[in-house]
PDB file of N, CA and C in Angstrom:
ATOM      1  N   UNK A   1       0.885  -1.227   0.030  1.00  0.00           N
ATOM      2  CA  UNK A   1      -0.077  -0.123  -0.059  1.00  0.00           C
ATOM      3  C   UNK A   1       0.996   1.292   0.081  1.00  0.00           C
ATOM      4  N   UNK A   2       1.936   1.153   0.602  1.00  0.00           N
ATOM      5  CA  UNK A   2       2.724   2.362   0.703  1.00  0.00           C
ATOM      6  C   UNK A   2       3.373   2.620  -0.813  1.00  0.00           C
ATOM      7  N   UNK A   3       3.789   1.487  -1.364  1.00  0.00           N
ATOM      8  CA  UNK A   3       4.467   1.578  -2.641  1.00  0.00           C
ATOM      9  C   UNK A   3       3.242   2.244  -3.634  1.00  0.00           C
ATOM     10  N   UNK A   4       2.085   1.896  -3.526  1.00  0.00           N
ATOM     11  CA  UNK A   4       0.826   2.545  -4.341  1.00  0.00           C
ATOM     12  C   UNK A   4       0.877   4.036  -4.136  1.00  0.00           C
ATOM     13  N   UNK A   5       0.792   4.336  -2.868  1.00  0.00           N
ATOM     14  CA  UNK A   5       0.743   5.720  -2.368  1.00  0.00           C
ATOM     15  C   UNK A   5       1.892   6.659  -2.852  1.00  0.00           C
ATOM     16  N   UNK A   6       3.088   6.055  -2.655  1.00  0.00           N
ATOM     17  CA  UNK A   6       4.104   6.680  -3.186  1.00  0.00           C
ATOM     18  C   UNK A   6       4.278   7.049  -4.621  1.00  0.00           C
ATOM     19  N   UNK A   7       3.867   5.904  -5.503  1.00  0.00           N
ATOM     20  CA  UNK A   7       3.946   6.133  -6.861  1.00  0.00           C
ATOM     21  C   UNK A   7       2.842   7.181  -7.411  1.00  0.00           C
ATOM     22  N   UNK A   8       1.746   7.200  -6.740  1.00  0.00           N
ATOM     23  CA  UNK A   8       0.752   8.196  -7.053  1.00  0.00           C
ATOM     24  C   UNK A   8       1.034   9.527  -6.706  1.00  0.00           C
ATOM     25  N   UNK A   9       1.883   9.730  -5.530  1.00  0.00           N
ATOM     26  CA  UNK A   9       2.479  11.018  -5.191  1.00  0.00           C
ATOM     27  C   UNK A   9       3.585  11.425  -6.262  1.00  0.00           C
ATOM     28  N   UNK A  10       4.336  10.399  -6.705  1.00  0.00           N
ATOM     29  CA  UNK A  10       5.318  10.927  -7.680  1.00  0.00           C
ATOM     30  C   UNK A  10       4.566  11.210  -9.168  1.00  0.00           C
ATOM     31  N   UNK A  11       3.559  10.539  -9.381  1.00  0.00           N
ATOM     32  CA  UNK A  11       2.901  10.710 -10.671  1.00  0.00           C
ATOM     33  C   UNK A  11       2.266  12.267 -10.614  1.00  0.00           C
ATOM     34  N   UNK A  12       1.555  12.577  -9.515  1.00  0.00           N
ATOM     35  CA  UNK A  12       1.112  13.744  -9.231  1.00  0.00           C
ATOM     36  C   UNK A  12       2.123  14.960  -9.302  1.00  0.00           C
ATOM     37  N   UNK A  13       3.286  14.719  -8.702  1.00  0.00           N
ATOM     38  CA  UNK A  13       4.276  15.842  -8.751  1.00  0.00           C
ATOM     39  C   UNK A  13       4.909  16.058 -10.139  1.00  0.00           C
ATOM     40  N   UNK A  14       5.176  14.833 -10.829  1.00  0.00           N
ATOM     41  CA  UNK A  14       5.618  15.021 -12.114  1.00  0.00           C
ATOM     42  C   UNK A  14       4.728  15.625 -12.987  1.00  0.00           C
ATOM     43  N   UNK A  15       3.389  15.339 -12.849  1.00  0.00           N
ATOM     44  CA  UNK A  15       2.319  16.064 -13.629  1.00  0.00           C
ATOM     45  C   UNK A  15       2.248  17.538 -13.382  1.00  0.00           C
ATOM     46  N   UNK A  16       2.278  17.839 -12.152  1.00  0.00           N
ATOM     47  CA  UNK A  16       2.319  19.374 -11.780  1.00  0.00           C
ATOM     48  C   UNK A  16       3.482  20.035 -12.436  1.00  0.00           C
ATOM     49  N   UNK A  17       4.640  19.524 -12.322  1.00  0.00           N
ATOM     50  CA  UNK A  17       5.800  20.194 -12.780  1.00  0.00           C
ATOM     51  C   UNK A  17       5.818  20.229 -14.316  1.00  0.00           C
ATOM     52  N   UNK A  18       5.288  19.062 -15.036  1.00  0.00           N
ATOM     53  CA  UNK A  18       5.267  19.091 -16.432  1.00  0.00           C
ATOM     54  C   UNK A  18       4.221  20.014 -16.923  1.00  0.00           C
ATOM     55  N   UNK A  19       3.283  20.431 -16.167  1.00  0.00           N
ATOM     56  CA  UNK A  19       2.216  21.278 -16.564  1.00  0.00           C
ATOM     57  C   UNK A  19       2.781  22.665 -16.410  1.00  0.00           C
ATOM     58  N   UNK A  20       3.302  22.926 -15.262  1.00  0.00           N
ATOM     59  CA  UNK A  20       3.670  24.278 -14.975  1.00  0.00           C
ATOM     60  C   UNK A  20       4.831  24.836 -15.569  1.00  0.00           C
ATOM     61  N   UNK A  21       5.857  24.106 -15.999  1.00  0.00           N
ATOM     62  CA  UNK A  21       7.163  24.522 -16.448  1.00  0.00           C
ATOM     63  C   UNK A  21       7.035  24.464 -18.023  1.00  0.00           C
ATOM     64  N   UNK A  22       7.288  25.592 -18.624  1.00  0.00           N
ATOM     65  CA  UNK A  22       7.309  25.401 -20.147  1.00  0.00           C
ATOM     66  C   UNK A  22       8.318  24.713 -20.581  1.00  0.00           C
ATOM     67  N   UNK A  23       8.213  23.796 -21.549  1.00  0.00           N
ATOM     68  CA  UNK A  23       9.064  22.823 -22.234  1.00  0.00           C
ATOM     69  C   UNK A  23       9.283  21.591 -21.618  1.00  0.00           C
ATOM     70  N   UNK A  24       8.665  21.090 -20.493  1.00  0.00           N
ATOM     71  CA  UNK A  24       8.786  20.028 -19.580  1.00  0.00           C
ATOM     72  C   UNK A  24       7.610  19.120 -19.763  1.00  0.00           C
ATOM     73  N   UNK A  25       6.785  19.147 -21.007  1.00  0.00           N
ATOM     74  CA  UNK A  25       5.754  18.360 -21.228  1.00  0.00           C
ATOM     75  C   UNK A  25       5.930  17.063 -21.068  1.00  0.00           C
ATOM     76  N   UNK A  26       7.090  16.440 -21.288  1.00  0.00           N
ATOM     77  CA  UNK A  26       7.382  15.143 -21.197  1.00  0.00           C
ATOM     78  C   UNK A  26       7.197  14.557 -19.779  1.00  0.00           C
ATOM     79  N   UNK A  27       7.368  15.518 -18.789  1.00  0.00           N
ATOM     80  CA  UNK A  27       7.143  15.050 -17.409  1.00  0.00           C
ATOM     81  C   UNK A  27       5.734  14.834 -17.089  1.00  0.00           C
ATOM     82  N   UNK A  28       4.844  15.474 -17.624  1.00  0.00           N
ATOM     83  CA  UNK A  28       3.339  15.402 -17.601  1.00  0.00           C
ATOM     84  C   UNK A  28       3.041  13.925 -18.119  1.00  0.00           C
ATOM     85  N   UNK A  29       3.591  13.523 -19.362  1.00  0.00           N
ATOM     86  CA  UNK A  29       3.385  12.234 -19.917  1.00  0.00           C
ATOM     87  C   UNK A  29       4.023  11.200 -19.080  1.00  0.00           C
ATOM     88  N   UNK A  30       5.128  11.455 -18.551  1.00  0.00           N
ATOM     89  CA  UNK A  30       5.687  10.445 -17.782  1.00  0.00           C
ATOM     90  C   UNK A  30       4.759  10.246 -16.527  1.00  0.00           C
ATOM     91  N   UNK A  31       4.375  11.268 -15.802  1.00  0.00           N
ATOM     92  CA  UNK A  31       3.638  11.245 -14.641  1.00  0.00           C
ATOM     93  C   UNK A  31       2.403  10.361 -14.968  1.00  0.00           C
ATOM     94  N   UNK A  32       1.717  10.684 -16.186  1.00  0.00           N
ATOM     95  CA  UNK A  32       0.383  10.097 -16.599  1.00  0.00           C
ATOM     96  C   UNK A  32       0.782   8.536 -16.749  1.00  0.00           C
ATOM     97  N   UNK A  33       1.890   8.119 -17.334  1.00  0.00           N
ATOM     98  CA  UNK A  33       2.089   6.666 -17.561  1.00  0.00           C
ATOM     99  C   UNK A  33       2.520   5.968 -16.031  1.00  0.00           C
ATOM    100  N   UNK A  34       3.133   6.622 -15.222  1.00  0.00           N
ATOM    101  CA  UNK A  34       3.348   6.226 -13.918  1.00  0.00           C
ATOM    102  C   UNK A  34       2.058   5.953 -13.165  1.00  0.00           C
ATOM    103  N   UNK A  35       1.049   6.901 -13.368  1.00  0.00           N
ATOM    104  CA  UNK A  35      -0.230   6.680 -12.568  1.00  0.00           C
ATOM    105  C   UNK A  35      -0.980   5.563 -13.346  1.00  0.00           C
ATOM    106  N   UNK A  36      -0.952   5.417 -14.462  1.00  0.00           N
ATOM    107  CA  UNK A  36      -1.664   4.184 -15.264  1.00  0.00           C
ATOM    108  C   UNK A  36      -1.041   2.844 -14.881  1.00  0.00           C
ATOM    109  N   UNK A  37       0.197   2.753 -14.707  1.00  0.00           N
ATOM    110  CA  UNK A  37       0.961   1.588 -14.460  1.00  0.00           C
ATOM    111  C   UNK A  37       0.695   1.368 -12.911  1.00  0.00           C
ATOM    112  N   UNK A  38       0.750   2.355 -12.106  1.00  0.00           N
ATOM    113  CA  UNK A  38       0.505   2.079 -10.638  1.00  0.00           C
ATOM    114  C   UNK A  38      -1.080   1.700 -10.505  1.00  0.00           C
ATOM    115  N   UNK A  39      -2.120   2.220 -11.123  1.00  0.00           N
ATOM    116  CA  UNK A  39      -3.476   1.708 -11.012  1.00  0.00           C
ATOM    117  C   UNK A  39      -3.544   0.347 -11.628  1.00  0.00           C
ATOM    118  N   UNK A  40      -2.926  -0.034 -12.649  1.00  0.00           N
ATOM    119  CA  UNK A  40      -2.882  -1.413 -13.128  1.00  0.00           C
ATOM    120  C   UNK A  40      -2.392  -2.471 -12.196  1.00  0.00           C
ATOM    121  N   UNK A  41      -1.291  -2.032 -11.476  1.00  0.00           N
ATOM    122  CA  UNK A  41      -0.642  -2.874 -10.523  1.00  0.00           C
ATOM    123  C   UNK A  41      -1.403  -3.169  -9.306  1.00  0.00           C
ATOM    124  N   UNK A  42      -2.222  -1.910  -8.849  1.00  0.00           N
ATOM    125  CA  UNK A  42      -3.062  -2.232  -7.785  1.00  0.00           C
ATOM    126  C   UNK A  42      -4.353  -2.995  -7.946  1.00  0.00           C
ATOM    127  N   UNK A  43      -4.865  -2.872  -9.392  1.00  0.00           N
ATOM    128  CA  UNK A  43      -5.900  -3.683  -9.721  1.00  0.00           C
ATOM    129  C   UNK A  43      -5.609  -5.040  -9.695  1.00  0.00           C
ATOM    130  N   UNK A  44      -4.328  -5.505 -10.245  1.00  0.00           N
ATOM    131  CA  UNK A  44      -3.957  -6.702 -10.399  1.00  0.00           C
ATOM    132  C   UNK A  44      -3.798  -7.410  -9.071  1.00  0.00           C
ATOM    133  N   UNK A  45      -3.194  -6.748  -8.164  1.00  0.00           N
ATOM    134  CA  UNK A  45      -2.935  -7.014  -6.800  1.00  0.00           C
ATOM    135  C   UNK A  45      -4.144  -7.395  -6.060  1.00  0.00           C
ATOM    136  N   UNK A  46      -5.157  -6.431  -6.037  1.00  0.00           N
ATOM    137  CA  UNK A  46      -6.586  -6.557  -5.410  1.00  0.00           C
ATOM    138  C   UNK A  46      -7.207  -7.705  -6.063  1.00  0.00           C
ATOM    139  N   UNK A  47      -7.230  -7.905  -7.308  1.00  0.00           N
ATOM    140  CA  UNK A  47      -7.842  -8.959  -7.892  1.00  0.00           C
ATOM    141  C   UNK A  47      -7.285 -10.303  -7.576  1.00  0.00           C
ATOM    142  N   UNK A  48      -6.114 -10.522  -7.314  1.00  0.00           N
ATOM    143  CA  UNK A  48      -5.478 -11.648  -6.919  1.00  0.00           C
ATOM    144  C   UNK A  48      -5.638 -11.925  -5.485  1.00  0.00           C
ATOM    145  N   UNK A  49      -5.572 -10.922  -4.627  1.00  0.00           N
ATOM    146  CA  UNK A  49      -5.620 -11.185  -3.083  1.00  0.00           C
ATOM    147  C   UNK A  49      -6.775 -11.868  -2.651  1.00  0.00           C
ATOM    148  N   UNK A  50      -7.989 -11.877  -3.331  1.00  0.00           N
ATOM    149  CA  UNK A  50      -9.307 -12.409  -2.754  1.00  0.00           C
ATOM    150  C   UNK A  50      -9.358 -14.072  -2.874  1.00  0.00           C
ATOM    151  N   UNK A  51      -8.514 -14.678  -3.619  1.00  0.00           N
ATOM    152  CA  UNK A  51      -8.497 -15.972  -3.873  1.00  0.00           C
ATOM    153  C   UNK A  51      -7.858 -16.721  -2.889  1.00  0.00           C
ATOM    154  N   UNK A  52      -8.401 -17.810  -2.323  1.00  0.00           N
ATOM    155  CA  UNK A  52      -7.632 -18.686  -1.260  1.00  0.00           C
ATOM    156  C   UNK A  52      -7.205 -19.964  -2.073  1.00  0.00           C
ATOM    157  N   UNK A  53      -5.792 -20.259  -1.712  1.00  0.00           N
ATOM    158  CA  UNK A  53      -5.325 -21.613  -2.436  1.00  0.00           C
ATOM    159  C   UNK A  53      -5.730 -22.646  -1.596  1.00  0.00           C
ATOM    160  N   UNK A  54      -6.097 -23.840  -2.340  1.00  0.00           N
ATOM    161  CA  UNK A  54      -6.497 -24.917  -1.552  1.00  0.00           C
ATOM    162  C   UNK A  54      -5.170 -25.871  -1.506  1.00  0.00           C
ATOM    163  N   UNK A  55      -4.942 -26.211  -0.009  1.00  0.00           N
ATOM    164  CA  UNK A  55      -3.695 -27.089   0.083  1.00  0.00           C
ATOM    165  C   UNK A  55      -4.116 -28.545  -0.185  1.00  0.00           C
ATOM    166  N   UNK A  56      -3.151 -29.283  -0.897  1.00  0.00           N
ATOM    167  CA  UNK A  56      -3.372 -30.657  -1.243  1.00  0.00           C
ATOM    168  C   UNK A  56      -2.454 -31.516  -0.263  1.00  0.00           C
TER     169      UNK A  56
END
């Protein structure tokens, strides 16, 4: 959970810097990519976490 929140924070900071500073639009794009990857990672982790494995 800490990794998820840290990556969201990094994505927001990169997005703000990329939007505010002229010529650093690529930081906004990188921030968006980090956010999408982070949300996908969280979705996969939450989807996998609900299943219980059967011991044989």
